[in-house]
Amino acid sequence: MTLGQNQELFSKDLTHLLNFIHNNGYDVRIGEAERTKEQQEIYIKSGKTKTLDSLHLKRCAIDLHIFFNGSWIQSKSELQFIGDYWEQLSKNNKWGGNFKNFIGTPHFERRLE
């Protein structure tokens, strides 16, 4: 599967995710989606990430800031049902709240096929 096909599947699933979030009474602010290699290197130096192989570099990841009643929700426990929904859309979808080494609850990605 090409990178473009993966990007298209990612955006289709992202549409489902955003609708799910809104339909459950939450609001969303879009964070970072596309990232340059230079920005990724800055994030590594500052400790915000641990890899140069981010799917943000391939436009197959996005950070979503999710709000409920005006409050930014960041805890894994409060966002777990949203992460679970994302991951059930495709075996390639991964939520940063379920990462083992670096928890990032705003992060949603599609691993490439």
Protein backbone atom coordinates (compact mmCIF):
# COMPACT_ATOMS: atom_id res chain seq x y z
CA MET A 1 0.00 0.00 0.00
CA THR A 2 1.34 3.44 -0.88
CA LEU A 3 1.90 6.26 1.58
CA GLY A 4 -0.89 8.21 -0.11
CA GLN A 5 -3.33 5.34 0.36
CA ASN A 6 -2.38 5.12 4.04
CA GLN A 7 -2.88 8.89 4.40
CA GLU A 8 -6.34 8.62 2.82
CA LEU A 9 -7.37 5.78 5.15
CA PHE A 10 -6.03 7.78 8.10
CA SER A 11 -8.12 10.81 7.14
CA LYS A 12 -11.26 8.68 6.70
CA ASP A 13 -10.82 7.15 10.15
CA LEU A 14 -10.06 10.60 11.56
CA THR A 15 -13.44 11.77 10.26
CA HIS A 16 -15.12 8.91 12.15
CA LEU A 17 -13.13 9.74 15.29
CA LEU A 18 -14.02 13.44 15.23
CA ASN A 19 -17.70 12.62 14.76
CA PHE A 20 -17.52 10.13 17.64
CA ILE A 21 -15.91 12.70 19.93
CA HIS A 22 -18.44 15.40 19.06
CA ASN A 23 -21.40 13.00 19.27
CA ASN A 24 -20.34 12.17 22.85
CA GLY A 25 -20.50 15.82 23.91
CA TYR A 26 -16.81 16.68 23.69
CA ASP A 27 -15.11 19.49 21.79
CA VAL A 28 -11.85 19.16 19.86
CA ARG A 29 -9.06 21.52 18.99
CA ILE A 30 -6.69 20.32 16.32
CA GLY A 31 -3.08 20.12 17.38
CA GLU A 32 -0.14 19.16 15.26
CA ALA A 33 -0.61 16.94 12.24
CA GLU A 34 2.19 17.40 9.71
CA ARG A 35 5.66 17.85 11.15
CA THR A 36 9.03 18.63 9.57
CA LYS A 37 12.18 16.66 10.32
CA GLU A 38 13.65 19.82 11.86
CA GLN A 39 10.71 20.18 14.24
CA GLN A 40 10.97 16.50 15.17
CA GLU A 41 14.64 17.01 16.05
CA ILE A 42 13.69 19.95 18.29
CA TYR A 43 11.12 17.76 20.06
CA ILE A 44 13.72 15.04 20.63
CA LYS A 45 16.16 17.55 22.17
CA SER A 46 13.45 18.96 24.44
CA GLY A 47 12.21 15.50 25.52
CA LYS A 48 8.75 15.77 23.92
CA THR A 49 9.42 12.65 21.85
CA LYS A 50 11.98 9.87 21.63
CA THR A 51 12.00 9.02 17.92
CA LEU A 52 12.97 10.41 14.54
CA ASP A 53 10.48 7.99 12.98
CA SER A 54 7.26 9.83 13.89
CA LEU A 55 4.21 9.23 11.76
CA HIS A 56 3.61 12.99 11.93
CA LEU A 57 6.44 13.20 9.37
CA LYS A 58 4.33 11.07 7.01
CA ARG A 59 1.02 12.87 7.75
CA CYS A 60 -0.41 9.74 9.38
CA ALA A 61 -0.64 11.13 12.92
CA ILE A 62 -2.40 13.97 14.66
CA ASP A 63 -2.60 15.46 18.12
CA LEU A 64 -6.13 16.26 19.28
CA HIS A 65 -6.86 18.42 22.30
CA ILE A 66 -10.16 17.15 23.69
CA PHE A 67 -12.36 19.29 25.92
CA PHE A 68 -15.42 18.61 28.05
CA ASN A 69 -17.42 21.49 29.49
CA GLY A 70 -14.55 23.84 28.64
CA SER A 71 -11.89 21.78 30.44
CA TRP A 72 -9.02 20.17 28.58
CA ILE A 73 -9.13 16.42 29.25
CA GLN A 74 -5.67 14.84 29.34
CA SER A 75 -5.89 11.81 31.61
CA LYS A 76 -5.67 8.35 30.14
CA SER A 77 -8.60 7.10 32.20
CA GLU A 78 -10.94 9.84 30.97
CA LEU A 79 -9.90 9.43 27.33
CA GLN A 80 -9.61 5.63 27.22
CA PHE A 81 -13.00 5.11 25.55
CA ILE A 82 -11.99 7.52 22.77
CA GLY A 83 -8.63 5.77 22.32
CA ASP A 84 -10.41 2.40 22.26
CA TYR A 85 -12.81 3.66 19.59
CA TRP A 86 -9.87 4.87 17.47
CA GLU A 87 -8.06 1.55 17.72
CA GLN A 88 -11.17 -0.50 16.86
CA LEU A 89 -11.56 1.40 13.57
CA SER A 90 -8.45 -0.35 12.17
CA LYS A 91 -5.76 -2.72 13.38
CA ASN A 92 -3.27 -0.09 12.18
CA ASN A 93 -4.67 2.70 14.37
CA LYS A 94 -2.81 3.33 17.61
CA TRP A 95 -3.56 5.78 20.40
CA GLY A 96 -0.72 7.42 22.33
CA GLY A 97 -2.49 6.76 25.62
CA ASN A 98 -1.79 3.05 25.14
CA PHE A 99 1.90 3.41 24.31
CA LYS A 100 4.17 1.51 26.70
CA ASN A 101 7.24 3.77 26.89
CA PHE A 102 5.92 7.26 26.24
CA ILE A 103 2.28 8.09 27.05
CA GLY A 104 0.82 10.82 24.84
CA THR A 105 -2.95 11.01 25.24
CA PRO A 106 -3.47 13.65 22.52
CA HIS A 107 -1.74 11.43 19.91
CA PHE A 108 -3.64 9.35 17.31
CA GLU A 109 -1.79 7.58 14.50
CA ARG A 110 -2.10 5.06 11.70
CA ARG A 111 0.79 2.63 11.29
CA LEU A 112 1.70 2.10 7.65
CA GLU A 113 0.78 -1.07 5.81
